Every structure is written in C-alpha cells, then in structure tokens.
Amino acid sequence: MVEHQQDAAKGIGQHLGMEDKLAKLGWRVEVSGLTALRAGQPAPVGVRVVDLAGRPVAAVSASLELGRPGQASQTRLRLAEAADGHRGILAGIEAGTWVATLRLARGQDLVTLEHGLEVR
C-alpha cells in the first residue's frame, strides 16, 4: 500500500511539473475528439498548441498513444500537421478505461501529458 501511495505522489508531481513547463513555455494545449468515444468506432482527433494570445505555436511535433492503465501503450495515433494544428483518426478501440499520452516536442522542449479516458 505504501508503494502505491508513493507512485501516486510521483504521478501527481510529474503532472504538476508538466503543467509548470507548459506555463513557462507559454503554451496552451487544446485536444478535441477524445470525449464521448464509442467502442469500435473511429474518431477524428485534433491537437492544437497555442501561445497565451491564442496564436499557433510553430514547429511543434505531436504524438498520441493509448494504453490500458498500468500497461504499455497499445495504440499509437499518427498525428499529421494541419493548418489548425495536428489531426488524425483514432481507430475504433475496445470499451473500458484507457490512458492517453500526448507528447509535444519543439527543439529541446518536451512535454508529456496523460489523461484518463472512458470508452463506452
């Protein structure tokens, strides 16, 4: 039980560290398409990285992976650059709980964000 609490504390610390890094970079991240996912149905996903004024941040690459909690990523979504950010189509995945891991990179700057999803 102590180990779990330590792991939870590390996860919270990492999350706060990434939020702090986003703030220092002046980036805001907008993700669309990951709410209301339906099992077996493809879904368009979009990722935008903007500055505090709402302007797109140039030269940011993005990748998105999904996996079950506590397991390695099982699905990788290829995100292609588009005029309004990055876009891709998430293949239909099974129902249940998933963890989405979004990685954003520009030069030496790397931000990794995780978010829990429920697919019905």
Protein backbone atom coordinates (compact mmCIF):
# COMPACT_ATOMS: atom_id res chain seq x y z
CA MET A 1 0.00 0.00 0.00
CA VAL A 2 2.85 2.41 0.73
CA GLU A 3 4.30 1.71 -2.71
CA HIS A 4 1.02 2.71 -4.37
CA GLN A 5 0.91 5.97 -2.43
CA GLN A 6 4.47 6.74 -3.48
CA ASP A 7 3.63 6.00 -7.12
CA ALA A 8 0.56 8.22 -6.88
CA ALA A 9 2.65 11.02 -5.41
CA LYS A 10 5.20 10.67 -8.25
CA GLY A 11 2.37 10.84 -10.81
CA ILE A 12 0.96 13.99 -9.25
CA GLY A 13 4.42 15.55 -9.13
CA GLN A 14 5.04 14.73 -12.78
CA HIS A 15 1.67 16.19 -13.77
CA LEU A 16 2.38 19.41 -11.88
CA GLY A 17 5.85 19.55 -13.42
CA MET A 18 4.42 19.31 -16.93
CA GLU A 19 1.79 21.98 -16.16
CA ASP A 20 4.59 24.23 -14.89
CA LYS A 21 6.65 23.54 -18.02
CA LEU A 22 3.68 24.46 -20.25
CA ALA A 23 3.27 27.70 -18.33
CA LYS A 24 6.97 28.56 -18.66
CA LEU A 25 6.85 27.86 -22.40
CA GLY A 26 3.71 29.98 -22.69
CA TRP A 27 1.83 27.10 -24.34
CA ARG A 28 -1.79 26.05 -24.02
CA VAL A 29 -2.85 22.67 -25.35
CA GLU A 30 -6.27 22.07 -26.87
CA VAL A 31 -7.31 18.48 -27.61
CA SER A 32 -10.53 17.55 -29.37
CA GLY A 33 -12.14 14.21 -30.13
CA LEU A 34 -11.24 12.21 -27.02
CA THR A 35 -14.52 12.73 -25.20
CA ALA A 36 -17.52 10.51 -25.82
CA LEU A 37 -15.51 7.80 -27.59
CA ARG A 38 -17.55 4.76 -28.65
CA ALA A 39 -16.12 1.25 -28.76
CA GLY A 40 -15.20 0.12 -32.25
CA GLN A 41 -15.93 3.48 -33.87
CA PRO A 42 -13.16 5.59 -35.44
CA ALA A 43 -12.93 9.15 -34.15
CA PRO A 44 -11.19 12.25 -35.51
CA VAL A 45 -8.71 13.72 -33.01
CA GLY A 46 -7.18 17.18 -33.09
CA VAL A 47 -4.35 18.76 -31.09
CA ARG A 48 -3.57 22.47 -31.10
CA VAL A 49 -0.70 24.14 -29.29
CA VAL A 50 -1.21 27.87 -28.95
CA ASP A 51 0.53 30.68 -27.11
CA LEU A 52 -1.16 32.76 -24.42
CA ALA A 53 -2.57 35.10 -27.10
CA GLY A 54 -4.18 32.13 -28.89
CA ARG A 55 -1.73 32.08 -31.84
CA PRO A 56 -0.48 28.67 -33.05
CA VAL A 57 2.99 27.72 -31.82
CA ALA A 58 5.19 26.83 -34.80
CA ALA A 59 7.38 23.75 -35.22
CA VAL A 60 5.76 21.61 -32.52
CA SER A 61 5.52 17.89 -33.25
CA ALA A 62 2.82 15.82 -31.56
CA SER A 63 2.21 12.13 -30.95
CA LEU A 64 -0.59 10.38 -29.11
CA GLU A 65 -0.58 6.88 -27.63
CA LEU A 66 -3.29 4.98 -25.79
CA GLY A 67 -2.88 2.11 -23.40
CA ARG A 68 -4.64 0.41 -20.56
CA PRO A 69 -3.77 1.68 -17.06
CA GLY A 70 -0.54 0.11 -15.85
CA GLN A 71 0.29 -1.36 -19.27
CA ALA A 72 2.43 -0.29 -22.19
CA SER A 73 0.76 1.75 -24.92
CA GLN A 74 -1.26 -0.43 -27.27
CA THR A 75 -2.43 2.09 -29.85
CA ARG A 76 -0.43 4.87 -31.46
CA LEU A 77 -2.23 7.61 -33.34
CA ARG A 78 -0.31 9.27 -36.11
CA LEU A 79 -0.95 12.99 -35.97
CA ALA A 80 -0.29 14.88 -39.19
CA GLU A 81 0.34 18.61 -39.29
CA ALA A 82 -2.65 20.59 -40.47
CA ALA A 83 -3.39 24.29 -40.86
CA ASP A 84 -5.03 24.37 -37.44
CA GLY A 85 -2.66 22.05 -35.53
CA HIS A 86 -2.34 18.29 -35.77
CA ARG A 87 -5.04 15.86 -36.91
CA GLY A 88 -5.52 12.12 -37.01
CA ILE A 89 -8.16 9.41 -36.98
CA LEU A 90 -8.21 7.16 -33.93
CA ALA A 91 -9.12 3.62 -34.97
CA GLY A 92 -12.02 2.07 -33.09
CA ILE A 93 -10.76 0.78 -29.74
CA GLU A 94 -12.33 -1.53 -27.18
CA ALA A 95 -14.60 -0.33 -24.42
CA GLY A 96 -13.13 0.34 -21.00
CA THR A 97 -10.63 2.56 -19.28
CA TRP A 98 -7.65 3.90 -21.25
CA VAL A 99 -4.79 6.33 -20.62
CA ALA A 100 -3.98 8.79 -23.41
CA THR A 101 -0.36 10.00 -23.50
CA LEU A 102 0.28 13.12 -25.56
CA ARG A 103 3.88 14.08 -26.33
CA LEU A 104 4.71 17.53 -27.65
CA ALA A 105 8.21 18.48 -28.76
CA ARG A 106 9.94 21.53 -30.16
CA GLY A 107 13.72 21.53 -30.21
CA GLN A 108 14.89 20.62 -26.70
CA ASP A 109 11.45 21.25 -25.19
CA LEU A 110 9.45 18.09 -24.47
CA VAL A 111 6.10 17.97 -22.70
CA THR A 112 4.29 14.73 -21.87
CA LEU A 113 0.67 14.87 -20.74
CA GLU A 114 -1.51 11.96 -19.63
CA HIS A 115 -5.28 11.82 -19.36
CA GLY A 116 -7.67 9.04 -18.40
CA LEU A 117 -10.41 8.13 -20.88
CA GLU A 118 -13.52 6.01 -20.65
CA VAL A 119 -14.63 4.36 -23.88
CA ARG A 120 -18.21 3.11 -23.87
